């Protein structure tokens, strides 16, 4: 839910505030959609044997679990590649064209795309036909199965597929997290920019914690096959870490986009002063001993009114009486003071 909220804020800022959407926005949405499909299938699999020992499941339960895990595994392979491409495209928008870091980001986009396509194909087509992946549990003789990678019936090939993907994924996460660090040390970087980069690095560190944790669990249990072949029992920790990794990566990619404009807008609203009427006071001379025939004090309010001085033909004082006579000959004002 938090991932959807942050991505929604990101899209709002990109499309309606700064009006500068990019390809990185498309890829973060695609990553979010594929991740949601995968997590939905895992939620369903909790009723189909996830977290239980494989030997306690009947054939139908085991087949249903494999079917739902198949959807999750394919979605995860796509989602983790898409979010990395989104972040790299986001960095490309920051670096100047032709610089070293700009070219590194472009090269990584190509590498991540090829890596994602390769493992996505292996995940979505682990067997020929694909249905053999979740119906293998019914087979008495598996020697004739045409499965490989994630669906291989050979433990070495099966574990190597999971471990290699987890290892490359972990390294790429570390590289992607490190790429924006040089921006922090640029001479012209402002304090707000540096604080934003610190936030990105902190969130990127959280993503890497999940990635490393998943890799360690994959190695420890050999993708759910060690010490016994029990993927439904050893798999949950790897599945949960994979889901948290992709969800937090979507959040990490989105917060820097909308946080700055959101804080600026909030500061503007909270710090705005609404002016209902502006009063401007000017003083030319102060009357000495109850005034003078050639001096006049004036109080002027900025607006539609006319000052008394502008509409006065002459003024005169007799004793303690001071009067102004308008240009039309009509007395405009009369004051009497008592000493």
C-alpha atoms as a PDB file:
ATOM      1  CA  UNK A   1       0.000   0.000   0.000  1.00  0.00           C
ATOM      2  CA  UNK A   2       2.803   2.422   0.883  1.00  0.00           C
ATOM      3  CA  UNK A   3       4.447   1.707  -2.470  1.00  0.00           C
ATOM      4  CA  UNK A   4       1.247   2.600  -4.315  1.00  0.00           C
ATOM      5  CA  UNK A   5       0.882   5.829  -2.316  1.00  0.00           C
ATOM      6  CA  UNK A   6       4.444   6.995  -2.966  1.00  0.00           C
ATOM      7  CA  UNK A   7       4.287   6.149  -6.669  1.00  0.00           C
ATOM      8  CA  UNK A   8       0.957   8.002  -6.930  1.00  0.00           C
ATOM      9  CA  UNK A   9       2.548  11.110  -5.358  1.00  0.00           C
ATOM     10  CA  UNK A  10       5.478  10.761  -7.741  1.00  0.00           C
ATOM     11  CA  UNK A  11       3.226  10.654 -10.799  1.00  0.00           C
ATOM     12  CA  UNK A  12       1.176  13.604  -9.532  1.00  0.00           C
ATOM     13  CA  UNK A  13       4.305  15.746  -9.192  1.00  0.00           C
ATOM     14  CA  UNK A  14       5.779  14.664 -12.521  1.00  0.00           C
ATOM     15  CA  UNK A  15       2.579  15.101 -14.558  1.00  0.00           C
ATOM     16  CA  UNK A  16       0.743  17.971 -12.845  1.00  0.00           C
ATOM     17  CA  UNK A  17       3.279  19.954 -10.818  1.00  0.00           C
ATOM     18  CA  UNK A  18       6.549  20.107 -12.747  1.00  0.00           C
ATOM     19  CA  UNK A  19       4.987  18.693 -15.933  1.00  0.00           C
ATOM     20  CA  UNK A  20       8.096  16.707 -16.851  1.00  0.00           C
ATOM     21  CA  UNK A  21       7.294  12.970 -17.008  1.00  0.00           C
ATOM     22  CA  UNK A  22       9.986  10.591 -18.183  1.00  0.00           C
ATOM     23  CA  UNK A  23      10.692   6.991 -19.072  1.00  0.00           C
ATOM     24  CA  UNK A  24      11.695   6.357 -15.466  1.00  0.00           C
ATOM     25  CA  UNK A  25       8.068   6.972 -14.459  1.00  0.00           C
ATOM     26  CA  UNK A  26       6.870   4.302 -16.886  1.00  0.00           C
ATOM     27  CA  UNK A  27       9.312   1.721 -15.566  1.00  0.00           C
ATOM     28  CA  UNK A  28       8.491   2.370 -11.913  1.00  0.00           C
ATOM     29  CA  UNK A  29       4.791   1.855 -12.699  1.00  0.00           C
ATOM     30  CA  UNK A  30       5.561  -1.390 -14.556  1.00  0.00           C
ATOM     31  CA  UNK A  31       7.666  -2.576 -11.628  1.00  0.00           C
ATOM     32  CA  UNK A  32       4.880  -1.746  -9.187  1.00  0.00           C
ATOM     33  CA  UNK A  33       2.289  -3.612 -11.251  1.00  0.00           C
ATOM     34  CA  UNK A  34       4.394  -6.765 -11.654  1.00  0.00           C
ATOM     35  CA  UNK A  35       5.358  -6.676  -7.978  1.00  0.00           C
ATOM     36  CA  UNK A  36       1.701  -6.422  -6.976  1.00  0.00           C
ATOM     37  CA  UNK A  37       0.815  -9.435  -9.109  1.00  0.00           C
ATOM     38  CA  UNK A  38       3.597 -11.453  -7.510  1.00  0.00           C
ATOM     39  CA  UNK A  39       2.734 -10.476  -3.951  1.00  0.00           C
ATOM     40  CA  UNK A  40      -0.921 -11.233  -4.609  1.00  0.00           C
ATOM     41  CA  UNK A  41      -0.043 -14.751  -5.716  1.00  0.00           C
ATOM     42  CA  UNK A  42       2.053 -15.278  -2.591  1.00  0.00           C
ATOM     43  CA  UNK A  43      -0.800 -14.153  -0.366  1.00  0.00           C
ATOM     44  CA  UNK A  44      -2.924 -16.818  -2.045  1.00  0.00           C
ATOM     45  CA  UNK A  45      -0.214 -19.455  -1.578  1.00  0.00           C
ATOM     46  CA  UNK A  46      -0.399 -19.175   2.211  1.00  0.00           C
ATOM     47  CA  UNK A  47      -3.590 -21.221   1.964  1.00  0.00           C
ATOM     48  CA  UNK A  48      -1.914 -23.687  -0.369  1.00  0.00           C
ATOM     49  CA  UNK A  49       0.991 -24.901   1.712  1.00  0.00           C
ATOM     50  CA  UNK A  50       3.455 -22.008   2.055  1.00  0.00           C
ATOM     51  CA  UNK A  51       5.096 -22.282   5.472  1.00  0.00           C
ATOM     52  CA  UNK A  52       4.283 -25.982   5.879  1.00  0.00           C
ATOM     53  CA  UNK A  53       6.447 -29.023   5.307  1.00  0.00           C
ATOM     54  CA  UNK A  54       6.130 -30.370   1.788  1.00  0.00           C
ATOM     55  CA  UNK A  55       5.572 -33.916   3.023  1.00  0.00           C
ATOM     56  CA  UNK A  56       2.426 -32.796   4.864  1.00  0.00           C
ATOM     57  CA  UNK A  57       0.767 -31.546   1.669  1.00  0.00           C
ATOM     58  CA  UNK A  58      -1.332 -33.688  -0.613  1.00  0.00           C
ATOM     59  CA  UNK A  59      -0.698 -33.651  -4.358  1.00  0.00           C
ATOM     60  CA  UNK A  60      -3.349 -31.049  -5.106  1.00  0.00           C
ATOM     61  CA  UNK A  61      -2.011 -28.666  -2.448  1.00  0.00           C
ATOM     62  CA  UNK A  62       1.560 -29.079  -3.664  1.00  0.00           C
ATOM     63  CA  UNK A  63       0.517 -28.438  -7.264  1.00  0.00           C
ATOM     64  CA  UNK A  64      -1.480 -25.336  -6.247  1.00  0.00           C
ATOM     65  CA  UNK A  65       1.517 -23.990  -4.323  1.00  0.00           C
ATOM     66  CA  UNK A  66       3.855 -24.501  -7.279  1.00  0.00           C
ATOM     67  CA  UNK A  67       1.365 -22.743  -9.558  1.00  0.00           C
ATOM     68  CA  UNK A  68       1.143 -19.648  -7.327  1.00  0.00           C
ATOM     69  CA  UNK A  69       4.905 -19.620  -6.730  1.00  0.00           C
ATOM     70  CA  UNK A  70       5.444 -19.777 -10.491  1.00  0.00           C
ATOM     71  CA  UNK A  71       3.545 -16.489 -10.854  1.00  0.00           C
ATOM     72  CA  UNK A  72       5.507 -14.883  -8.014  1.00  0.00           C
ATOM     73  CA  UNK A  73       8.888 -15.984  -9.324  1.00  0.00           C
ATOM     74  CA  UNK A  74       8.242 -14.653 -12.819  1.00  0.00           C
ATOM     75  CA  UNK A  75       6.856 -11.382 -11.456  1.00  0.00           C
ATOM     76  CA  UNK A  76       9.829 -10.911  -9.150  1.00  0.00           C
ATOM     77  CA  UNK A  77      12.372 -11.452 -11.938  1.00  0.00           C
ATOM     78  CA  UNK A  78      10.641  -8.732 -13.968  1.00  0.00           C
ATOM     79  CA  UNK A  79       9.952  -6.313 -11.121  1.00  0.00           C
ATOM     80  CA  UNK A  80      13.470  -6.235  -9.721  1.00  0.00           C
ATOM     81  CA  UNK A  81      14.916  -5.492 -13.171  1.00  0.00           C
ATOM     82  CA  UNK A  82      12.304  -2.836 -14.001  1.00  0.00           C
ATOM     83  CA  UNK A  83      12.866  -0.863 -10.801  1.00  0.00           C
ATOM     84  CA  UNK A  84      16.629  -0.828 -11.358  1.00  0.00           C
ATOM     85  CA  UNK A  85      16.111   0.476 -14.898  1.00  0.00           C
ATOM     86  CA  UNK A  86      13.794   3.157 -13.516  1.00  0.00           C
ATOM     87  CA  UNK A  87      16.419   4.319 -11.019  1.00  0.00           C
ATOM     88  CA  UNK A  88      19.154   4.343 -13.666  1.00  0.00           C
ATOM     89  CA  UNK A  89      16.996   6.390 -16.048  1.00  0.00           C
ATOM     90  CA  UNK A  90      16.346   8.747 -13.160  1.00  0.00           C
ATOM     91  CA  UNK A  91      20.105   9.167 -12.655  1.00  0.00           C
ATOM     92  CA  UNK A  92      20.601   9.807 -16.366  1.00  0.00           C
ATOM     93  CA  UNK A  93      18.340  12.841 -15.992  1.00  0.00           C
ATOM     94  CA  UNK A  94      20.657  14.164 -13.264  1.00  0.00           C
ATOM     95  CA  UNK A  95      24.074  13.724 -14.864  1.00  0.00           C
ATOM     96  CA  UNK A  96      25.335  15.821 -17.748  1.00  0.00           C
ATOM     97  CA  UNK A  97      25.448  14.152 -21.135  1.00  0.00           C
ATOM     98  CA  UNK A  98      28.858  12.756 -22.013  1.00  0.00           C
ATOM     99  CA  UNK A  99      30.197  12.548 -18.447  1.00  0.00           C
ATOM    100  CA  UNK A 100      31.615   9.312 -17.047  1.00  0.00           C
ATOM    101  CA  UNK A 101      28.722   8.658 -14.683  1.00  0.00           C
ATOM    102  CA  UNK A 102      26.210   9.401 -17.440  1.00  0.00           C
ATOM    103  CA  UNK A 103      27.830   6.766 -19.674  1.00  0.00           C
ATOM    104  CA  UNK A 104      28.043   4.274 -16.792  1.00  0.00           C
ATOM    105  CA  UNK A 105      24.316   4.655 -16.184  1.00  0.00           C
ATOM    106  CA  UNK A 106      23.537   4.085 -19.860  1.00  0.00           C
ATOM    107  CA  UNK A 107      25.712   0.960 -19.960  1.00  0.00           C
ATOM    108  CA  UNK A 108      24.049  -0.365 -16.813  1.00  0.00           C
ATOM    109  CA  UNK A 109      20.596   0.178 -18.322  1.00  0.00           C
ATOM    110  CA  UNK A 110      21.565  -2.124 -21.192  1.00  0.00           C
ATOM    111  CA  UNK A 111      23.095  -4.727 -18.863  1.00  0.00           C
ATOM    112  CA  UNK A 112      20.145  -4.744 -16.443  1.00  0.00           C
ATOM    113  CA  UNK A 113      17.696  -5.001 -19.343  1.00  0.00           C
ATOM    114  CA  UNK A 114      19.497  -8.047 -20.769  1.00  0.00           C
ATOM    115  CA  UNK A 115      19.815  -9.609 -17.311  1.00  0.00           C
ATOM    116  CA  UNK A 116      16.137  -9.031 -16.598  1.00  0.00           C
ATOM    117  CA  UNK A 117      14.984 -10.433 -19.931  1.00  0.00           C
ATOM    118  CA  UNK A 118      17.141 -13.549 -19.551  1.00  0.00           C
ATOM    119  CA  UNK A 119      15.964 -14.458 -16.050  1.00  0.00           C
ATOM    120  CA  UNK A 120      12.370 -13.494 -16.807  1.00  0.00           C
ATOM    121  CA  UNK A 121      12.307 -15.962 -19.697  1.00  0.00           C
ATOM    122  CA  UNK A 122      13.803 -18.655 -17.466  1.00  0.00           C
ATOM    123  CA  UNK A 123      11.200 -17.892 -14.783  1.00  0.00           C
ATOM    124  CA  UNK A 124       8.140 -17.706 -17.045  1.00  0.00           C
ATOM    125  CA  UNK A 125       9.138 -20.672 -19.221  1.00  0.00           C
ATOM    126  CA  UNK A 126      10.827 -23.115 -16.825  1.00  0.00           C
ATOM    127  CA  UNK A 127       9.404 -26.127 -18.619  1.00  0.00           C
ATOM    128  CA  UNK A 128       8.080 -27.038 -22.047  1.00  0.00           C
ATOM    129  CA  UNK A 129       5.145 -27.140 -21.798  1.00  0.00           C
ATOM    130  CA  UNK A 130       5.003 -24.578 -18.974  1.00  0.00           C
ATOM    131  CA  UNK A 131       2.311 -26.520 -17.082  1.00  0.00           C
ATOM    132  CA  UNK A 132       4.842 -29.250 -16.318  1.00  0.00           C
ATOM    133  CA  UNK A 133       6.290 -26.898 -13.685  1.00  0.00           C
ATOM    134  CA  UNK A 134       3.285 -27.335 -11.374  1.00  0.00           C
ATOM    135  CA  UNK A 135       2.093 -30.752 -12.547  1.00  0.00           C
ATOM    136  CA  UNK A 136       5.459 -32.472 -12.084  1.00  0.00           C
ATOM    137  CA  UNK A 137       4.294 -33.463  -8.618  1.00  0.00           C
ATOM    138  CA  UNK A 138       1.904 -35.952 -10.226  1.00  0.00           C
ATOM    139  CA  UNK A 139       4.599 -37.570 -12.388  1.00  0.00           C
ATOM    140  CA  UNK A 140       6.028 -40.935 -11.416  1.00  0.00           C
ATOM    141  CA  UNK A 141       8.839 -40.714 -13.975  1.00  0.00           C
ATOM    142  CA  UNK A 142      10.471 -37.291 -14.396  1.00  0.00           C
ATOM    143  CA  UNK A 143      13.265 -38.399 -16.713  1.00  0.00           C
ATOM    144  CA  UNK A 144      11.322 -37.256 -19.765  1.00  0.00           C
ATOM    145  CA  UNK A 145      10.583 -33.741 -18.494  1.00  0.00           C
ATOM    146  CA  UNK A 146      11.964 -30.851 -20.524  1.00  0.00           C
ATOM    147  CA  UNK A 147      12.656 -28.406 -17.697  1.00  0.00           C
ATOM    148  CA  UNK A 148      15.658 -26.231 -16.936  1.00  0.00           C
ATOM    149  CA  UNK A 149      16.720 -23.375 -14.650  1.00  0.00           C
ATOM    150  CA  UNK A 150      13.987 -22.687 -12.112  1.00  0.00           C
ATOM    151  CA  UNK A 151      12.223 -25.885 -13.132  1.00  0.00           C
ATOM    152  CA  UNK A 152      15.234 -28.180 -13.393  1.00  0.00           C
ATOM    153  CA  UNK A 153      14.942 -31.604 -11.803  1.00  0.00           C
ATOM    154  CA  UNK A 154      18.681 -31.513 -11.063  1.00  0.00           C
ATOM    155  CA  UNK A 155      19.443 -29.915  -7.705  1.00  0.00           C
ATOM    156  CA  UNK A 156      22.765 -28.383  -8.804  1.00  0.00           C
ATOM    157  CA  UNK A 157      21.217 -26.574 -11.787  1.00  0.00           C
ATOM    158  CA  UNK A 158      18.146 -25.618  -9.766  1.00  0.00           C
ATOM    159  CA  UNK A 159      20.104 -24.011  -6.904  1.00  0.00           C
ATOM    160  CA  UNK A 160      22.638 -22.393  -9.251  1.00  0.00           C
ATOM    161  CA  UNK A 161      19.813 -20.536 -11.026  1.00  0.00           C
ATOM    162  CA  UNK A 162      18.467 -19.052  -7.799  1.00  0.00           C
ATOM    163  CA  UNK A 163      21.889 -18.289  -6.347  1.00  0.00           C
ATOM    164  CA  UNK A 164      23.221 -16.622  -9.497  1.00  0.00           C
ATOM    165  CA  UNK A 165      20.168 -14.395  -9.797  1.00  0.00           C
ATOM    166  CA  UNK A 166      20.324 -13.435  -6.111  1.00  0.00           C
ATOM    167  CA  UNK A 167      24.065 -12.689  -6.327  1.00  0.00           C
ATOM    168  CA  UNK A 168      23.833 -10.484  -9.432  1.00  0.00           C
ATOM    169  CA  UNK A 169      20.773  -8.769  -7.998  1.00  0.00           C
ATOM    170  CA  UNK A 170      22.643  -7.959  -4.785  1.00  0.00           C
ATOM    171  CA  UNK A 171      25.650  -6.524  -6.640  1.00  0.00           C
ATOM    172  CA  UNK A 172      23.436  -4.407  -8.894  1.00  0.00           C
ATOM    173  CA  UNK A 173      21.580  -3.048  -5.869  1.00  0.00           C
ATOM    174  CA  UNK A 174      24.877  -1.963  -4.325  1.00  0.00           C
ATOM    175  CA  UNK A 175      26.026  -0.310  -7.562  1.00  0.00           C
ATOM    176  CA  UNK A 176      22.731   1.506  -8.097  1.00  0.00           C
ATOM    177  CA  UNK A 177      22.815   2.773  -4.510  1.00  0.00           C
ATOM    178  CA  UNK A 178      26.383   4.077  -4.923  1.00  0.00           C
ATOM    179  CA  UNK A 179      25.844   5.933  -8.212  1.00  0.00           C
ATOM    180  CA  UNK A 180      24.278   9.133  -6.773  1.00  0.00           C
ATOM    181  CA  UNK A 181      26.934   9.515  -4.045  1.00  0.00           C
ATOM    182  CA  UNK A 182      29.241  11.730  -6.221  1.00  0.00           C
ATOM    183  CA  UNK A 183      26.426  14.295  -6.439  1.00  0.00           C
ATOM    184  CA  UNK A 184      26.766  14.851  -2.696  1.00  0.00           C
ATOM    185  CA  UNK A 185      30.355  16.083  -3.081  1.00  0.00           C
ATOM    186  CA  UNK A 186      29.747  18.426  -6.012  1.00  0.00           C
ATOM    187  CA  UNK A 187      30.871  21.977  -5.102  1.00  0.00           C
ATOM    188  CA  UNK A 188      27.577  23.546  -6.185  1.00  0.00           C
ATOM    189  CA  UNK A 189      25.321  21.116  -4.332  1.00  0.00           C
ATOM    190  CA  UNK A 190      22.910  22.916  -2.017  1.00  0.00           C
ATOM    191  CA  UNK A 191      22.102  21.813   1.518  1.00  0.00           C
ATOM    192  CA  UNK A 192      18.627  20.627   0.574  1.00  0.00           C
ATOM    193  CA  UNK A 193      20.056  18.585  -2.327  1.00  0.00           C
ATOM    194  CA  UNK A 194      22.578  16.943  -0.045  1.00  0.00           C
ATOM    195  CA  UNK A 195      19.938  16.115   2.543  1.00  0.00           C
ATOM    196  CA  UNK A 196      17.844  14.552  -0.209  1.00  0.00           C
ATOM    197  CA  UNK A 197      20.797  12.448  -1.324  1.00  0.00           C
ATOM    198  CA  UNK A 198      21.362  11.300   2.250  1.00  0.00           C
ATOM    199  CA  UNK A 199      17.745  10.168   2.347  1.00  0.00           C
ATOM    200  CA  UNK A 200      18.153   8.280  -0.936  1.00  0.00           C
ATOM    201  CA  UNK A 201      21.287   6.545   0.332  1.00  0.00           C
ATOM    202  CA  UNK A 202      19.613   5.587   3.618  1.00  0.00           C
ATOM    203  CA  UNK A 203      16.603   4.120   1.812  1.00  0.00           C
ATOM    204  CA  UNK A 204      18.919   2.412  -0.674  1.00  0.00           C
ATOM    205  CA  UNK A 205      20.743   0.834   2.253  1.00  0.00           C
ATOM    206  CA  UNK A 206      17.450  -0.629   3.489  1.00  0.00           C
ATOM    207  CA  UNK A 207      16.836  -2.116   0.040  1.00  0.00           C
ATOM    208  CA  UNK A 208      20.303  -3.656   0.100  1.00  0.00           C
ATOM    209  CA  UNK A 209      19.718  -5.144   3.551  1.00  0.00           C
ATOM    210  CA  UNK A 210      16.741  -7.068   2.172  1.00  0.00           C
ATOM    211  CA  UNK A 211      18.730  -8.066  -0.920  1.00  0.00           C
ATOM    212  CA  UNK A 212      21.706  -9.352   1.089  1.00  0.00           C
ATOM    213  CA  UNK A 213      19.398 -11.138   3.534  1.00  0.00           C
ATOM    214  CA  UNK A 214      17.641 -12.897   0.677  1.00  0.00           C
ATOM    215  CA  UNK A 215      20.963 -13.902  -0.872  1.00  0.00           C
ATOM    216  CA  UNK A 216      22.221 -15.284   2.466  1.00  0.00           C
ATOM    217  CA  UNK A 217      19.017 -17.305   2.965  1.00  0.00           C
ATOM    218  CA  UNK A 218      19.250 -18.653  -0.586  1.00  0.00           C
ATOM    219  CA  UNK A 219      22.825 -19.801   0.011  1.00  0.00           C
ATOM    220  CA  UNK A 220      22.065 -21.241   3.460  1.00  0.00           C
ATOM    221  CA  UNK A 221      19.192 -23.439   2.317  1.00  0.00           C
ATOM    222  CA  UNK A 222      20.322 -23.882  -1.301  1.00  0.00           C
ATOM    223  CA  UNK A 223      17.067 -22.408  -2.629  1.00  0.00           C
ATOM    224  CA  UNK A 224      14.939 -24.559  -0.317  1.00  0.00           C
ATOM    225  CA  UNK A 225      16.665 -27.885  -0.988  1.00  0.00           C
ATOM    226  CA  UNK A 226      18.960 -28.124   2.078  1.00  0.00           C
ATOM    227  CA  UNK A 227      19.172 -29.821   4.521  1.00  0.00           C
ATOM    228  CA  UNK A 228      16.154 -31.518   2.957  1.00  0.00           C
ATOM    229  CA  UNK A 229      14.135 -30.775  -0.166  1.00  0.00           C
ATOM    230  CA  UNK A 230      11.428 -28.672   1.463  1.00  0.00           C
ATOM    231  CA  UNK A 231      10.809 -25.424  -0.513  1.00  0.00           C
ATOM    232  CA  UNK A 232       7.467 -24.736   1.169  1.00  0.00           C
ATOM    233  CA  UNK A 233       9.196 -24.724   4.574  1.00  0.00           C
ATOM    234  CA  UNK A 234      12.492 -22.946   3.772  1.00  0.00           C
ATOM    235  CA  UNK A 235      11.096 -20.669   1.070  1.00  0.00           C
ATOM    236  CA  UNK A 236       9.066 -18.084   3.070  1.00  0.00           C
ATOM    237  CA  UNK A 237      12.068 -16.073   4.300  1.00  0.00           C
ATOM    238  CA  UNK A 238      13.412 -15.734   0.743  1.00  0.00           C
ATOM    239  CA  UNK A 239       9.975 -14.839  -0.598  1.00  0.00           C
ATOM    240  CA  UNK A 240       9.330 -12.219   2.094  1.00  0.00           C
ATOM    241  CA  UNK A 241      12.751 -10.605   1.553  1.00  0.00           C
ATOM    242  CA  UNK A 242      12.143 -10.487  -2.200  1.00  0.00           C
ATOM    243  CA  UNK A 243       8.789  -8.772  -1.700  1.00  0.00           C
ATOM    244  CA  UNK A 244      10.190  -6.246   0.783  1.00  0.00           C
ATOM    245  CA  UNK A 245      13.115  -5.529  -1.514  1.00  0.00           C
ATOM    246  CA  UNK A 246      11.001  -4.610  -4.535  1.00  0.00           C
ATOM    247  CA  UNK A 247       8.429  -2.693  -2.464  1.00  0.00           C
ATOM    248  CA  UNK A 248      11.067  -0.610  -0.676  1.00  0.00           C
ATOM    249  CA  UNK A 249      12.871  -0.013  -3.992  1.00  0.00           C
ATOM    250  CA  UNK A 250       9.687   1.515  -5.454  1.00  0.00           C
ATOM    251  CA  UNK A 251       9.422   3.759  -2.394  1.00  0.00           C
ATOM    252  CA  UNK A 252      13.108   4.694  -2.641  1.00  0.00           C
ATOM    253  CA  UNK A 253      12.705   5.626  -6.313  1.00  0.00           C
ATOM    254  CA  UNK A 254       9.603   7.759  -5.691  1.00  0.00           C
ATOM    255  CA  UNK A 255      10.186   9.775  -2.505  1.00  0.00           C
ATOM    256  CA  UNK A 256      13.011  11.975  -3.914  1.00  0.00           C
ATOM    257  CA  UNK A 257      10.720  12.972  -6.798  1.00  0.00           C
ATOM    258  CA  UNK A 258       7.815  14.340  -4.785  1.00  0.00           C
ATOM    259  CA  UNK A 259       9.419  15.203  -1.437  1.00  0.00           C
ATOM    260  CA  UNK A 260      11.044  18.475  -2.537  1.00  0.00           C
ATOM    261  CA  UNK A 261       7.961  19.987  -4.239  1.00  0.00           C
ATOM    262  CA  UNK A 262       5.733  18.767  -1.403  1.00  0.00           C
ATOM    263  CA  UNK A 263       7.891  20.405   1.289  1.00  0.00           C
ATOM    264  CA  UNK A 264       8.154  23.611  -0.755  1.00  0.00           C
ATOM    265  CA  UNK A 265       4.378  23.755  -1.197  1.00  0.00           C
ATOM    266  CA  UNK A 266       3.766  23.106   2.491  1.00  0.00           C
ATOM    267  CA  UNK A 267       6.229  25.836   3.473  1.00  0.00           C
ATOM    268  CA  UNK A 268       4.563  28.263   1.083  1.00  0.00           C
ATOM    269  CA  UNK A 269       1.110  27.563   2.479  1.00  0.00           C
ATOM    270  CA  UNK A 270       2.163  27.670   6.133  1.00  0.00           C
ATOM    271  CA  UNK A 271       4.315  30.759   5.722  1.00  0.00           C
ATOM    272  CA  UNK A 272       1.952  32.759   3.528  1.00  0.00           C
ATOM    273  CA  UNK A 273       0.564  36.015   4.968  1.00  0.00           C
ATOM    274  CA  UNK A 274      -2.794  37.137   3.627  1.00  0.00           C
ATOM    275  CA  UNK A 275      -2.937  40.961   3.342  1.00  0.00           C
ATOM    276  CA  UNK A 276      -6.494  42.368   3.589  1.00  0.00           C
ATOM    277  CA  UNK A 277      -5.630  46.119   3.598  1.00  0.00           C
ATOM    278  CA  UNK A 278      -2.337  47.893   3.392  1.00  0.00           C
ATOM    279  CA  UNK A 279      -1.900  51.142   5.285  1.00  0.00           C
ATOM    280  CA  UNK A 280       0.859  53.563   4.342  1.00  0.00           C
ATOM    281  CA  UNK A 281       1.596  56.496   6.628  1.00  0.00           C
ATOM    282  CA  UNK A 282       3.642  59.482   5.479  1.00  0.00           C
ATOM    283  CA  UNK A 283       4.527  62.551   7.483  1.00  0.00           C
ATOM    284  CA  UNK A 284       5.688  65.777   5.860  1.00  0.00           C
ATOM    285  CA  UNK A 285       5.889  68.204   8.786  1.00  0.00           C
ATOM    286  CA  UNK A 286       4.484  68.282  12.255  1.00  0.00           C
ATOM    287  CA  UNK A 287       2.514  71.360  13.240  1.00  0.00           C
ATOM    288  CA  UNK A 288       4.369  73.567  15.646  1.00  0.00           C
ATOM    289  CA  UNK A 289       2.179  75.297  18.273  1.00  0.00           C
ATOM    290  CA  UNK A 290      -1.146  74.042  16.939  1.00  0.00           C
ATOM    291  CA  UNK A 291      -0.151  74.306  13.327  1.00  0.00           C
ATOM    292  CA  UNK A 292       1.079  76.792  10.745  1.00  0.00           C
ATOM    293  CA  UNK A 293      -0.527  78.403   7.730  1.00  0.00           C
ATOM    294  CA  UNK A 294       1.993  76.813   5.378  1.00  0.00           C
ATOM    295  CA  UNK A 295       2.351  73.334   6.882  1.00  0.00           C
ATOM    296  CA  UNK A 296       0.067  70.363   6.706  1.00  0.00           C
ATOM    297  CA  UNK A 297       0.151  66.874   8.278  1.00  0.00           C
ATOM    298  CA  UNK A 298      -1.244  64.086   6.172  1.00  0.00           C
ATOM    299  CA  UNK A 299      -2.390  60.531   6.844  1.00  0.00           C
ATOM    300  CA  UNK A 300      -2.834  58.571   3.677  1.00  0.00           C
ATOM    301  CA  UNK A 301      -4.324  55.063   3.231  1.00  0.00           C
ATOM    302  CA  UNK A 302      -3.351  53.277   0.073  1.00  0.00           C
ATOM    303  CA  UNK A 303      -6.547  52.640  -1.757  1.00  0.00           C
ATOM    304  CA  UNK A 304      -9.258  54.610  -3.522  1.00  0.00           C
ATOM    305  CA  UNK A 305      -9.504  57.575  -1.095  1.00  0.00           C
ATOM    306  CA  UNK A 306      -8.231  61.115  -1.844  1.00  0.00           C
ATOM    307  CA  UNK A 307      -5.983  62.889   0.642  1.00  0.00           C
ATOM    308  CA  UNK A 308      -7.195  66.105   2.185  1.00  0.00           C
ATOM    309  CA  UNK A 309      -4.155  67.955   0.951  1.00  0.00           C
ATOM    310  CA  UNK A 310      -4.827  67.088  -2.675  1.00  0.00           C
ATOM    311  CA  UNK A 311      -8.345  68.518  -2.450  1.00  0.00           C
ATOM    312  CA  UNK A 312      -7.476  71.656  -0.476  1.00  0.00           C
ATOM    313  CA  UNK A 313      -7.402  75.139  -2.051  1.00  0.00           C
ATOM    314  CA  UNK A 314      -6.088  76.822   1.096  1.00  0.00           C
ATOM    315  CA  UNK A 315      -6.143  76.471   4.849  1.00  0.00           C
ATOM    316  CA  UNK A 316      -6.084  79.113   7.533  1.00  0.00           C
ATOM    317  CA  UNK A 317      -5.916  79.387  11.276  1.00  0.00           C
ATOM    318  CA  UNK A 318      -7.535  81.982  13.495  1.00  0.00           C
ATOM    319  CA  UNK A 319      -6.676  81.619  17.173  1.00  0.00           C
ATOM    320  CA  UNK A 320      -7.466  78.043  18.099  1.00  0.00           C
ATOM    321  CA  UNK A 321      -9.531  77.416  14.989  1.00  0.00           C
ATOM    322  CA  UNK A 322      -8.068  75.631  11.937  1.00  0.00           C
ATOM    323  CA  UNK A 323     -10.090  75.135   8.799  1.00  0.00           C
ATOM    324  CA  UNK A 324      -9.583  73.750   5.275  1.00  0.00           C
ATOM    325  CA  UNK A 325     -11.496  75.123   2.340  1.00  0.00           C
ATOM    326  CA  UNK A 326     -11.878  72.945  -0.745  1.00  0.00           C
ATOM    327  CA  UNK A 327     -11.164  74.010  -4.301  1.00  0.00           C
ATOM    328  CA  UNK A 328     -14.879  74.348  -4.839  1.00  0.00           C
ATOM    329  CA  UNK A 329     -15.111  76.907  -2.031  1.00  0.00           C
ATOM    330  CA  UNK A 330     -16.827  74.550   0.389  1.00  0.00           C
ATOM    331  CA  UNK A 331     -15.414  74.081   3.869  1.00  0.00           C
ATOM    332  CA  UNK A 332     -14.028  70.538   4.053  1.00  0.00           C
ATOM    333  CA  UNK A 333     -12.796  70.293   7.606  1.00  0.00           C
ATOM    334  CA  UNK A 334     -12.707  72.367  10.750  1.00  0.00           C
ATOM    335  CA  UNK A 335     -10.851  71.669  13.982  1.00  0.00           C
ATOM    336  CA  UNK A 336     -10.810  73.605  17.237  1.00  0.00           C
ATOM    337  CA  UNK A 337      -8.262  73.004  19.956  1.00  0.00           C
ATOM    338  CA  UNK A 338      -8.406  74.087  23.547  1.00  0.00           C
ATOM    339  CA  UNK A 339      -5.171  74.974  25.176  1.00  0.00           C
END
